[in-house]
N, C-alpha and C. Protein backbone atom coordinates (compact mmCIF):
# COMPACT_ATOMS: atom_id res chain seq x y z
N MET A 1 -24.08 48.26 26.27
CA MET A 1 -23.72 47.86 24.92
C MET A 1 -22.24 47.52 24.84
N LYS A 2 -21.39 48.34 25.54
CA LYS A 2 -19.96 48.08 25.52
C LYS A 2 -19.65 46.72 26.12
N LYS A 3 -20.42 46.31 27.16
CA LYS A 3 -20.20 45.01 27.80
C LYS A 3 -20.47 43.88 26.81
N ILE A 4 -21.48 44.03 25.98
CA ILE A 4 -21.81 43.00 25.00
C ILE A 4 -20.66 42.84 24.00
N PHE A 5 -20.15 43.97 23.47
CA PHE A 5 -19.04 43.90 22.52
C PHE A 5 -17.78 43.36 23.18
N LEU A 6 -17.53 43.77 24.43
CA LEU A 6 -16.37 43.29 25.16
C LEU A 6 -16.48 41.77 25.36
N TYR A 7 -17.67 41.29 25.77
CA TYR A 7 -17.88 39.86 25.97
C TYR A 7 -17.71 39.10 24.66
N ALA A 8 -18.28 39.60 23.56
CA ALA A 8 -18.15 38.93 22.26
C ALA A 8 -16.69 38.90 21.81
N GLY A 9 -15.97 40.00 22.00
CA GLY A 9 -14.56 40.05 21.63
C GLY A 9 -13.72 39.09 22.45
N LEU A 10 -14.01 39.03 23.76
CA LEU A 10 -13.29 38.12 24.64
C LEU A 10 -13.57 36.67 24.26
N LEU A 11 -14.82 36.35 23.96
CA LEU A 11 -15.20 35.00 23.54
C LEU A 11 -14.49 34.62 22.24
N LEU A 12 -14.45 35.55 21.28
CA LEU A 12 -13.77 35.30 20.01
C LEU A 12 -12.28 35.07 20.24
N PHE A 13 -11.64 35.94 21.02
CA PHE A 13 -10.21 35.81 21.31
C PHE A 13 -9.91 34.49 22.01
N THR A 14 -10.71 34.11 23.01
CA THR A 14 -10.51 32.85 23.73
C THR A 14 -10.66 31.66 22.79
N SER A 15 -11.65 31.71 21.91
CA SER A 15 -11.85 30.61 20.96
C SER A 15 -10.67 30.46 20.03
N ILE A 16 -10.13 31.58 19.59
CA ILE A 16 -8.99 31.53 18.67
C ILE A 16 -7.77 30.97 19.39
N ILE A 17 -7.50 31.44 20.58
CA ILE A 17 -6.35 30.99 21.36
C ILE A 17 -6.45 29.49 21.65
N LEU A 18 -7.63 29.01 21.98
CA LEU A 18 -7.81 27.60 22.29
C LEU A 18 -7.90 26.74 21.04
N GLY A 19 -7.88 27.38 19.88
CA GLY A 19 -7.82 26.62 18.63
C GLY A 19 -9.17 26.27 18.05
N GLY A 20 -10.27 26.57 18.72
CA GLY A 20 -11.57 26.15 18.23
C GLY A 20 -12.12 27.06 17.17
N CYS A 21 -12.26 28.34 17.45
CA CYS A 21 -12.79 29.35 16.56
C CYS A 21 -14.28 29.22 16.33
N ASN A 22 -14.98 28.21 16.85
CA ASN A 22 -16.43 28.14 16.70
C ASN A 22 -17.09 28.97 17.79
N ILE A 23 -18.00 29.83 17.37
CA ILE A 23 -18.73 30.66 18.31
C ILE A 23 -20.20 30.52 17.94
N GLY A 24 -20.90 29.68 18.64
CA GLY A 24 -22.31 29.46 18.31
C GLY A 24 -22.43 29.04 16.86
N PRO A 25 -23.29 29.74 16.08
CA PRO A 25 -23.47 29.36 14.68
C PRO A 25 -22.43 29.98 13.75
N TYR A 26 -21.36 30.56 14.30
CA TYR A 26 -20.35 31.23 13.49
C TYR A 26 -18.99 30.56 13.64
N GLU A 27 -18.14 30.80 12.68
CA GLU A 27 -16.78 30.27 12.76
C GLU A 27 -15.82 31.25 12.13
N CYS A 28 -14.55 31.21 12.55
CA CYS A 28 -13.52 32.00 11.90
C CYS A 28 -12.66 31.02 11.13
N LYS A 29 -11.96 31.52 10.17
CA LYS A 29 -11.06 30.67 9.40
C LYS A 29 -9.66 31.24 9.55
N LEU A 30 -8.65 30.37 9.61
CA LEU A 30 -7.27 30.80 9.76
C LEU A 30 -6.52 30.54 8.47
N LYS A 31 -5.63 31.45 8.12
CA LYS A 31 -4.78 31.24 6.95
C LYS A 31 -3.41 31.80 7.25
N GLU A 32 -2.40 30.95 7.11
CA GLU A 32 -1.01 31.32 7.32
C GLU A 32 -0.81 32.07 8.63
N SER A 33 -1.36 31.56 9.70
CA SER A 33 -1.27 32.07 11.06
C SER A 33 -1.91 33.44 11.25
N ASN A 34 -2.59 33.97 10.23
CA ASN A 34 -3.38 35.19 10.38
C ASN A 34 -4.84 34.81 10.32
N ILE A 35 -5.67 35.57 11.03
CA ILE A 35 -7.11 35.31 10.94
C ILE A 35 -7.57 35.82 9.59
N TYR A 36 -8.31 34.97 8.87
CA TYR A 36 -8.64 35.30 7.49
C TYR A 36 -9.98 34.69 7.09
N THR A 37 -10.79 35.42 6.38
CA THR A 37 -11.95 34.87 5.69
C THR A 37 -12.30 35.80 4.53
N ASN A 38 -13.49 35.62 3.99
CA ASN A 38 -13.96 36.47 2.90
C ASN A 38 -14.16 37.90 3.40
N PRO A 39 -14.19 38.89 2.49
CA PRO A 39 -14.43 40.27 2.92
C PRO A 39 -15.78 40.39 3.61
N PRO A 40 -15.93 41.39 4.53
CA PRO A 40 -17.20 41.55 5.23
C PRO A 40 -18.34 41.77 4.24
N THR A 41 -19.51 41.24 4.57
CA THR A 41 -20.66 41.39 3.67
C THR A 41 -21.44 42.66 3.96
N ASN A 42 -21.33 43.23 5.14
CA ASN A 42 -22.05 44.45 5.49
C ASN A 42 -21.24 45.64 4.99
N GLU A 43 -21.82 46.43 4.08
CA GLU A 43 -21.12 47.56 3.46
C GLU A 43 -20.65 48.57 4.50
N SER A 44 -21.39 48.75 5.61
CA SER A 44 -21.02 49.76 6.59
C SER A 44 -19.97 49.25 7.57
N SER A 45 -19.64 47.96 7.51
CA SER A 45 -18.63 47.41 8.42
C SER A 45 -17.26 47.87 8.00
N PRO A 46 -16.44 48.24 8.95
CA PRO A 46 -15.07 48.61 8.59
C PRO A 46 -14.31 47.38 8.13
N SER A 47 -13.34 47.58 7.25
CA SER A 47 -12.52 46.46 6.78
C SER A 47 -11.72 45.91 7.95
N SER A 48 -11.63 44.60 8.04
CA SER A 48 -10.96 43.97 9.16
C SER A 48 -10.40 42.64 8.73
N GLU A 49 -9.41 42.14 9.47
CA GLU A 49 -8.88 40.81 9.18
C GLU A 49 -9.84 39.73 9.64
N ILE A 50 -10.75 40.06 10.55
CA ILE A 50 -11.69 39.07 11.08
C ILE A 50 -13.00 39.20 10.35
N ASN A 51 -13.50 38.08 9.88
CA ASN A 51 -14.82 38.04 9.28
C ASN A 51 -15.51 36.85 9.88
N ILE A 52 -16.68 37.04 10.40
CA ILE A 52 -17.43 35.95 11.01
C ILE A 52 -18.51 35.55 10.02
N SER A 53 -18.53 34.27 9.68
CA SER A 53 -19.50 33.78 8.70
C SER A 53 -20.22 32.57 9.28
N PRO A 54 -21.43 32.28 8.78
CA PRO A 54 -22.15 31.11 9.31
C PRO A 54 -21.32 29.86 9.13
N SER A 55 -21.32 29.01 10.14
CA SER A 55 -20.56 27.76 10.06
C SER A 55 -21.42 26.65 9.49
N VAL A 56 -20.77 25.57 9.09
CA VAL A 56 -21.46 24.39 8.60
C VAL A 56 -21.98 23.61 9.80
N ASP A 57 -23.23 23.20 9.75
CA ASP A 57 -23.80 22.40 10.83
C ASP A 57 -23.09 21.06 10.87
N ALA A 58 -22.54 20.71 12.03
CA ALA A 58 -21.77 19.47 12.16
C ALA A 58 -22.62 18.23 11.93
N THR A 59 -23.93 18.37 12.04
CA THR A 59 -24.80 17.21 11.84
C THR A 59 -25.12 16.98 10.37
N GLU A 60 -24.77 17.96 9.50
CA GLU A 60 -25.05 17.79 8.07
C GLU A 60 -24.20 16.67 7.52
N SER A 61 -24.75 15.91 6.61
CA SER A 61 -24.01 14.83 5.96
C SER A 61 -23.09 15.44 4.92
N THR A 62 -21.83 15.05 4.95
CA THR A 62 -20.90 15.52 3.92
C THR A 62 -20.40 14.30 3.17
N GLU A 63 -20.37 14.42 1.87
CA GLU A 63 -19.89 13.33 1.02
C GLU A 63 -18.38 13.38 0.97
N LEU A 64 -17.73 12.28 1.28
CA LEU A 64 -16.29 12.18 1.13
C LEU A 64 -16.00 11.54 -0.21
N SER A 65 -14.95 12.04 -0.85
CA SER A 65 -14.56 11.45 -2.13
C SER A 65 -14.07 10.03 -1.88
N PRO A 66 -14.56 9.07 -2.63
CA PRO A 66 -14.07 7.71 -2.43
C PRO A 66 -12.59 7.62 -2.81
N THR A 67 -11.87 6.79 -2.08
CA THR A 67 -10.46 6.58 -2.40
C THR A 67 -10.40 5.78 -3.68
N VAL A 68 -9.64 6.29 -4.61
CA VAL A 68 -9.51 5.61 -5.90
C VAL A 68 -8.40 4.57 -5.78
N GLU A 69 -8.77 3.32 -5.96
CA GLU A 69 -7.80 2.23 -5.91
C GLU A 69 -6.99 2.26 -7.20
N PRO A 70 -5.68 2.07 -7.09
CA PRO A 70 -4.87 2.08 -8.31
C PRO A 70 -5.16 0.84 -9.16
N GLU A 71 -4.93 0.96 -10.46
CA GLU A 71 -5.05 -0.19 -11.34
C GLU A 71 -3.79 -1.02 -11.18
N LEU A 72 -3.97 -2.30 -10.90
CA LEU A 72 -2.84 -3.17 -10.58
C LEU A 72 -2.57 -4.19 -11.66
N GLU A 73 -1.32 -4.67 -11.66
CA GLU A 73 -0.89 -5.71 -12.58
C GLU A 73 -0.06 -6.72 -11.79
N GLU A 74 -0.39 -7.99 -11.93
CA GLU A 74 0.41 -9.03 -11.29
C GLU A 74 1.70 -9.18 -12.08
N ILE A 75 2.83 -8.94 -11.40
CA ILE A 75 4.11 -9.01 -12.10
C ILE A 75 4.89 -10.28 -11.77
N PHE A 76 4.44 -11.00 -10.74
CA PHE A 76 5.07 -12.29 -10.42
C PHE A 76 4.10 -13.11 -9.60
N GLN A 77 4.09 -14.42 -9.85
CA GLN A 77 3.36 -15.36 -8.99
C GLN A 77 3.79 -16.77 -9.33
N ASN A 78 3.97 -17.55 -8.29
CA ASN A 78 4.35 -18.95 -8.50
C ASN A 78 3.47 -19.90 -7.67
N HIS A 79 2.25 -19.45 -7.36
CA HIS A 79 1.32 -20.30 -6.61
C HIS A 79 0.83 -21.45 -7.48
N ASN A 80 0.42 -22.53 -6.83
CA ASN A 80 -0.19 -23.66 -7.52
C ASN A 80 -1.06 -24.40 -6.51
N ILE A 81 -1.81 -25.38 -6.97
CA ILE A 81 -2.77 -26.06 -6.09
C ILE A 81 -2.24 -27.37 -5.51
N MET A 82 -0.98 -27.66 -5.73
CA MET A 82 -0.40 -28.90 -5.19
C MET A 82 -0.13 -28.75 -3.69
N GLY A 83 0.03 -29.88 -3.02
CA GLY A 83 0.38 -29.86 -1.60
C GLY A 83 1.70 -29.15 -1.37
N VAL A 84 1.86 -28.58 -0.19
CA VAL A 84 3.06 -27.80 0.10
C VAL A 84 3.79 -28.34 1.33
N ILE A 85 5.07 -28.00 1.39
CA ILE A 85 5.87 -28.26 2.58
C ILE A 85 6.55 -26.94 2.97
N ASN A 86 7.17 -26.91 4.11
CA ASN A 86 7.84 -25.70 4.60
C ASN A 86 9.27 -25.59 4.11
N GLU A 87 9.82 -24.42 4.29
CA GLU A 87 11.23 -24.10 4.12
C GLU A 87 11.72 -24.27 2.69
N PRO A 88 11.65 -23.19 1.92
CA PRO A 88 12.14 -23.24 0.54
C PRO A 88 13.58 -23.72 0.44
N THR A 89 13.84 -24.48 -0.62
CA THR A 89 15.19 -24.98 -0.87
C THR A 89 15.87 -24.20 -2.00
N ALA A 90 15.12 -23.26 -2.60
CA ALA A 90 15.65 -22.42 -3.68
C ALA A 90 15.15 -20.99 -3.47
N PRO A 91 15.90 -20.00 -3.92
CA PRO A 91 15.44 -18.62 -3.76
C PRO A 91 14.22 -18.34 -4.64
N THR A 92 13.41 -17.39 -4.21
CA THR A 92 12.24 -16.95 -4.98
C THR A 92 12.68 -15.68 -5.72
N ILE A 93 12.80 -15.79 -7.03
CA ILE A 93 13.41 -14.72 -7.84
C ILE A 93 12.44 -14.28 -8.93
N PHE A 94 12.43 -12.96 -9.19
CA PHE A 94 11.66 -12.41 -10.31
C PHE A 94 12.46 -11.27 -10.93
N THR A 95 12.11 -10.95 -12.18
CA THR A 95 12.81 -9.88 -12.92
C THR A 95 11.78 -8.92 -13.49
N ILE A 96 12.11 -7.63 -13.42
CA ILE A 96 11.28 -6.61 -14.06
C ILE A 96 12.17 -5.82 -15.03
N SER A 97 11.61 -5.45 -16.17
CA SER A 97 12.39 -4.78 -17.21
C SER A 97 12.32 -3.26 -17.13
N GLU A 98 11.50 -2.74 -16.22
CA GLU A 98 11.39 -1.29 -16.03
C GLU A 98 11.09 -1.00 -14.57
N ASN A 99 11.30 0.24 -14.16
CA ASN A 99 10.98 0.62 -12.79
C ASN A 99 9.50 0.36 -12.52
N ARG A 100 9.18 -0.16 -11.33
CA ARG A 100 7.79 -0.46 -10.99
C ARG A 100 7.49 -0.01 -9.57
N LEU A 101 6.29 0.53 -9.39
CA LEU A 101 5.80 0.89 -8.06
C LEU A 101 5.13 -0.36 -7.48
N ILE A 102 5.74 -0.94 -6.47
CA ILE A 102 5.24 -2.19 -5.90
C ILE A 102 4.08 -1.88 -4.95
N TYR A 103 2.94 -2.48 -5.24
CA TYR A 103 1.74 -2.29 -4.42
C TYR A 103 1.68 -3.32 -3.30
N SER A 104 1.86 -4.60 -3.63
CA SER A 104 1.78 -5.62 -2.58
C SER A 104 2.66 -6.82 -2.92
N ILE A 105 3.12 -7.48 -1.85
CA ILE A 105 3.85 -8.74 -1.95
C ILE A 105 3.16 -9.69 -0.98
N GLN A 106 2.79 -10.87 -1.46
CA GLN A 106 2.07 -11.82 -0.61
C GLN A 106 2.79 -13.17 -0.62
N ASP A 107 3.26 -13.59 0.55
CA ASP A 107 3.90 -14.90 0.72
C ASP A 107 2.93 -15.85 1.40
N TYR A 108 3.06 -17.13 1.08
CA TYR A 108 2.16 -18.15 1.62
C TYR A 108 2.86 -18.95 2.71
N HIS A 109 2.21 -19.00 3.89
CA HIS A 109 2.74 -19.71 5.06
C HIS A 109 1.69 -20.71 5.57
N TRP A 110 1.48 -21.78 4.83
CA TRP A 110 0.52 -22.82 5.24
C TRP A 110 0.96 -23.42 6.57
N ASN A 111 2.23 -23.77 6.67
CA ASN A 111 2.86 -24.24 7.91
C ASN A 111 2.10 -25.40 8.55
N ASN A 112 1.86 -26.45 7.76
CA ASN A 112 1.17 -27.64 8.26
C ASN A 112 -0.18 -27.32 8.92
N ALA A 113 -0.93 -26.45 8.27
CA ALA A 113 -2.27 -26.01 8.71
C ALA A 113 -2.25 -25.22 10.02
N HIS A 114 -1.09 -24.60 10.36
CA HIS A 114 -1.00 -23.79 11.57
C HIS A 114 -0.81 -22.31 11.26
N GLY A 115 -0.47 -21.96 10.02
CA GLY A 115 -0.17 -20.57 9.70
C GLY A 115 1.02 -20.09 10.53
N LYS A 116 1.24 -18.80 10.52
CA LYS A 116 2.34 -18.22 11.30
C LYS A 116 2.07 -16.74 11.49
N ILE A 117 2.35 -16.24 12.69
CA ILE A 117 2.17 -14.81 12.95
C ILE A 117 3.04 -14.04 11.95
N PRO A 118 2.45 -13.05 11.25
CA PRO A 118 3.18 -12.35 10.18
C PRO A 118 4.43 -11.64 10.67
N GLY A 119 5.43 -11.66 9.80
CA GLY A 119 6.68 -10.96 10.05
C GLY A 119 6.88 -9.85 9.03
N GLU A 120 7.97 -9.93 8.27
CA GLU A 120 8.31 -8.90 7.30
C GLU A 120 8.74 -9.53 5.99
N ILE A 121 8.62 -8.73 4.93
CA ILE A 121 9.05 -9.15 3.60
C ILE A 121 9.94 -8.05 3.02
N SER A 122 11.03 -8.46 2.39
CA SER A 122 11.97 -7.53 1.74
C SER A 122 12.26 -8.01 0.34
N LEU A 123 12.89 -7.15 -0.43
CA LEU A 123 13.40 -7.50 -1.75
C LEU A 123 14.88 -7.17 -1.79
N GLU A 124 15.66 -8.04 -2.43
CA GLU A 124 17.09 -7.79 -2.59
C GLU A 124 17.44 -7.89 -4.07
N ASN A 125 18.08 -6.85 -4.60
CA ASN A 125 18.44 -6.91 -6.03
C ASN A 125 19.80 -7.57 -6.21
N GLU A 126 20.21 -7.74 -7.47
CA GLU A 126 21.45 -8.47 -7.76
C GLU A 126 22.71 -7.77 -7.25
N ASN A 127 22.59 -6.47 -6.91
CA ASN A 127 23.72 -5.72 -6.36
C ASN A 127 23.79 -5.83 -4.83
N GLY A 128 22.82 -6.53 -4.25
CA GLY A 128 22.78 -6.65 -2.80
C GLY A 128 22.03 -5.53 -2.09
N ASP A 129 21.39 -4.63 -2.88
CA ASP A 129 20.60 -3.55 -2.28
C ASP A 129 19.30 -4.14 -1.75
N ILE A 130 18.96 -3.77 -0.51
CA ILE A 130 17.73 -4.27 0.13
C ILE A 130 16.65 -3.20 0.07
N PHE A 131 15.47 -3.60 -0.33
CA PHE A 131 14.29 -2.73 -0.31
C PHE A 131 13.36 -3.31 0.74
N GLY A 132 12.93 -2.48 1.69
CA GLY A 132 12.17 -2.95 2.83
C GLY A 132 13.09 -3.05 4.01
N PRO A 133 12.77 -3.80 5.03
CA PRO A 133 11.62 -4.72 5.12
C PRO A 133 10.31 -3.96 5.34
N TRP A 134 9.25 -4.60 4.88
CA TRP A 134 7.91 -4.06 5.06
C TRP A 134 7.12 -5.02 5.95
N PRO A 135 6.41 -4.49 6.93
CA PRO A 135 5.61 -5.38 7.80
C PRO A 135 4.50 -6.06 7.01
N ALA A 136 4.21 -7.29 7.38
CA ALA A 136 3.17 -8.06 6.69
C ALA A 136 1.93 -8.13 7.57
N GLU A 137 0.78 -8.20 6.91
CA GLU A 137 -0.50 -8.43 7.57
C GLU A 137 -0.93 -9.86 7.27
N GLY A 138 -1.53 -10.51 8.25
CA GLY A 138 -1.97 -11.88 8.05
C GLY A 138 -3.41 -11.98 7.61
N SER A 139 -3.71 -12.99 6.79
CA SER A 139 -5.08 -13.30 6.42
C SER A 139 -5.20 -14.82 6.28
N PRO A 140 -6.43 -15.34 6.44
CA PRO A 140 -6.61 -16.80 6.43
C PRO A 140 -6.33 -17.44 5.08
N GLY A 141 -5.86 -18.67 5.14
CA GLY A 141 -5.61 -19.45 3.93
C GLY A 141 -6.65 -20.54 3.78
N GLN A 142 -6.36 -21.52 2.96
CA GLN A 142 -7.28 -22.63 2.69
C GLN A 142 -7.74 -23.26 4.00
N GLY A 143 -9.04 -23.51 4.09
CA GLY A 143 -9.61 -24.12 5.29
C GLY A 143 -9.66 -23.18 6.49
N GLY A 144 -9.43 -21.89 6.27
CA GLY A 144 -9.47 -20.92 7.36
C GLY A 144 -8.22 -20.89 8.22
N VAL A 145 -7.12 -21.46 7.74
CA VAL A 145 -5.88 -21.45 8.51
C VAL A 145 -5.47 -20.00 8.75
N PRO A 146 -5.34 -19.60 10.02
CA PRO A 146 -5.04 -18.19 10.32
C PRO A 146 -3.62 -17.81 9.88
N ASP A 147 -3.51 -16.58 9.40
CA ASP A 147 -2.21 -16.01 9.02
C ASP A 147 -1.42 -16.87 8.03
N ALA A 148 -2.13 -17.54 7.13
CA ALA A 148 -1.45 -18.33 6.11
C ALA A 148 -0.90 -17.42 5.00
N TYR A 149 -1.59 -16.33 4.74
CA TYR A 149 -1.12 -15.36 3.75
C TYR A 149 -0.52 -14.18 4.50
N TRP A 150 0.70 -13.84 4.15
CA TRP A 150 1.35 -12.64 4.65
C TRP A 150 1.37 -11.64 3.51
N THR A 151 0.81 -10.46 3.73
CA THR A 151 0.78 -9.44 2.67
C THR A 151 1.41 -8.15 3.18
N SER A 152 2.42 -7.69 2.44
CA SER A 152 3.06 -6.40 2.70
C SER A 152 2.60 -5.43 1.62
N TYR A 153 2.50 -4.15 2.00
CA TYR A 153 2.11 -3.09 1.06
C TYR A 153 3.22 -2.05 0.98
N PRO A 154 4.27 -2.31 0.18
CA PRO A 154 5.43 -1.44 0.16
C PRO A 154 5.16 -0.01 -0.31
N ASP A 155 4.34 0.18 -1.34
CA ASP A 155 4.13 1.50 -1.93
C ASP A 155 5.48 2.16 -2.21
N GLU A 156 6.37 1.40 -2.83
CA GLU A 156 7.73 1.88 -3.12
C GLU A 156 8.11 1.49 -4.54
N GLU A 157 8.74 2.44 -5.24
CA GLU A 157 9.19 2.15 -6.60
C GLU A 157 10.57 1.49 -6.53
N ILE A 158 10.71 0.42 -7.29
CA ILE A 158 12.01 -0.25 -7.37
C ILE A 158 12.49 -0.19 -8.81
N PRO A 159 13.81 -0.12 -9.00
CA PRO A 159 14.32 -0.04 -10.37
C PRO A 159 14.27 -1.38 -11.09
N ALA A 160 14.38 -1.32 -12.40
CA ALA A 160 14.44 -2.54 -13.22
C ALA A 160 15.57 -3.41 -12.73
N GLY A 161 15.35 -4.72 -12.79
CA GLY A 161 16.39 -5.64 -12.36
C GLY A 161 15.82 -6.97 -11.89
N THR A 162 16.70 -7.78 -11.34
CA THR A 162 16.32 -9.10 -10.82
C THR A 162 16.34 -9.03 -9.30
N TYR A 163 15.30 -9.58 -8.69
CA TYR A 163 15.11 -9.48 -7.25
C TYR A 163 14.88 -10.85 -6.62
N THR A 164 15.36 -10.99 -5.39
CA THR A 164 15.06 -12.14 -4.57
C THR A 164 14.13 -11.68 -3.46
N ILE A 165 13.05 -12.44 -3.25
CA ILE A 165 12.12 -12.12 -2.16
C ILE A 165 12.69 -12.70 -0.87
N ILE A 166 12.78 -11.86 0.14
CA ILE A 166 13.31 -12.27 1.44
C ILE A 166 12.15 -12.28 2.44
N ASP A 167 11.87 -13.45 3.00
CA ASP A 167 10.80 -13.63 3.98
C ASP A 167 11.46 -13.79 5.36
N SER A 168 10.89 -13.11 6.38
CA SER A 168 11.52 -13.14 7.70
C SER A 168 11.39 -14.48 8.42
N ASP A 169 10.56 -15.39 7.90
CA ASP A 169 10.42 -16.71 8.53
C ASP A 169 10.41 -17.81 7.46
N PRO A 170 11.57 -18.08 6.85
CA PRO A 170 11.60 -19.08 5.80
C PRO A 170 11.24 -20.48 6.29
N GLU A 171 11.39 -20.75 7.58
CA GLU A 171 11.06 -22.07 8.12
C GLU A 171 9.58 -22.42 7.95
N SER A 172 8.70 -21.40 7.87
CA SER A 172 7.27 -21.68 7.71
C SER A 172 6.75 -21.27 6.33
N TRP A 173 7.62 -20.78 5.46
CA TRP A 173 7.23 -20.34 4.12
C TRP A 173 6.99 -21.57 3.26
N SER A 174 5.87 -21.59 2.57
CA SER A 174 5.46 -22.75 1.78
C SER A 174 6.19 -22.85 0.44
N GLN A 175 6.47 -24.10 0.05
CA GLN A 175 7.09 -24.39 -1.26
C GLN A 175 6.68 -25.79 -1.67
N ASN A 176 6.92 -26.13 -2.92
CA ASN A 176 6.71 -27.50 -3.40
C ASN A 176 7.50 -27.71 -4.68
N SER A 177 7.37 -28.90 -5.26
CA SER A 177 8.15 -29.22 -6.46
C SER A 177 7.73 -28.37 -7.65
N ALA A 178 6.47 -27.95 -7.70
CA ALA A 178 5.99 -27.13 -8.82
C ALA A 178 6.61 -25.73 -8.80
N THR A 179 7.07 -25.27 -7.63
CA THR A 179 7.75 -23.97 -7.57
C THR A 179 9.26 -24.15 -7.71
N GLY A 180 9.70 -25.39 -7.87
CA GLY A 180 11.13 -25.66 -7.93
C GLY A 180 11.80 -25.48 -6.58
N GLY A 181 11.01 -25.58 -5.52
CA GLY A 181 11.55 -25.42 -4.17
C GLY A 181 11.58 -23.98 -3.69
N SER A 182 11.17 -23.03 -4.52
CA SER A 182 11.16 -21.62 -4.07
C SER A 182 9.89 -21.32 -3.29
N GLY A 183 9.97 -20.34 -2.39
CA GLY A 183 8.82 -19.95 -1.57
C GLY A 183 7.71 -19.37 -2.42
N MET A 184 6.47 -19.72 -2.07
CA MET A 184 5.32 -19.24 -2.83
C MET A 184 5.08 -17.76 -2.54
N SER A 185 4.92 -17.01 -3.63
CA SER A 185 4.74 -15.57 -3.50
C SER A 185 3.96 -15.02 -4.69
N ARG A 186 3.41 -13.85 -4.48
CA ARG A 186 2.65 -13.16 -5.54
C ARG A 186 2.91 -11.66 -5.37
N ILE A 187 3.20 -10.96 -6.47
CA ILE A 187 3.52 -9.53 -6.39
C ILE A 187 2.65 -8.76 -7.37
N PHE A 188 2.08 -7.65 -6.88
CA PHE A 188 1.31 -6.73 -7.72
C PHE A 188 2.00 -5.39 -7.74
N ALA A 189 2.02 -4.76 -8.94
CA ALA A 189 2.57 -3.42 -9.11
C ALA A 189 1.48 -2.53 -9.70
N VAL A 190 1.62 -1.24 -9.50
CA VAL A 190 0.70 -0.28 -10.08
C VAL A 190 0.99 -0.21 -11.57
N LYS A 191 -0.09 -0.27 -12.39
CA LYS A 191 0.09 -0.20 -13.86
C LYS A 191 0.60 1.16 -14.28
């Protein structure tokens, strides 16, 4: 009988040291570097820091809470359906009257139907403070042009003020007369 208890104790100790804590259909729980679980259920059991309780079957389906997407508001956009050329001749500027949590910035890089491997997007305020740069992800544009849309997800709050959008590749950034020569962009903030 002593061998059985010794073996069980050794197995429990080894499992804890190796970080697993699963022992057959049982598991231990750790709290603040001490072994911890609910009080023992057997009245005759002595009080102890270790409590072994049935574990959850790993094959059981567990429902994960869906990620709640934030409610967004478009705070700037200068896109249009006219033909585009590369290399803006004017800065792309927008103003916000209150602090805003920026969710996404999307620049358009049609680049003569070639797109462009995504780079980075930043914001610069009127004091010269730079926010970012944030890496951009590419997605297809009109006609399936690869990497025509560059989208950054800053998840950063910026203060009220006037900002210039800085694109890491202005030579391929799309613009036209309807934008006044500024690079095409769209910005969403969390409401």
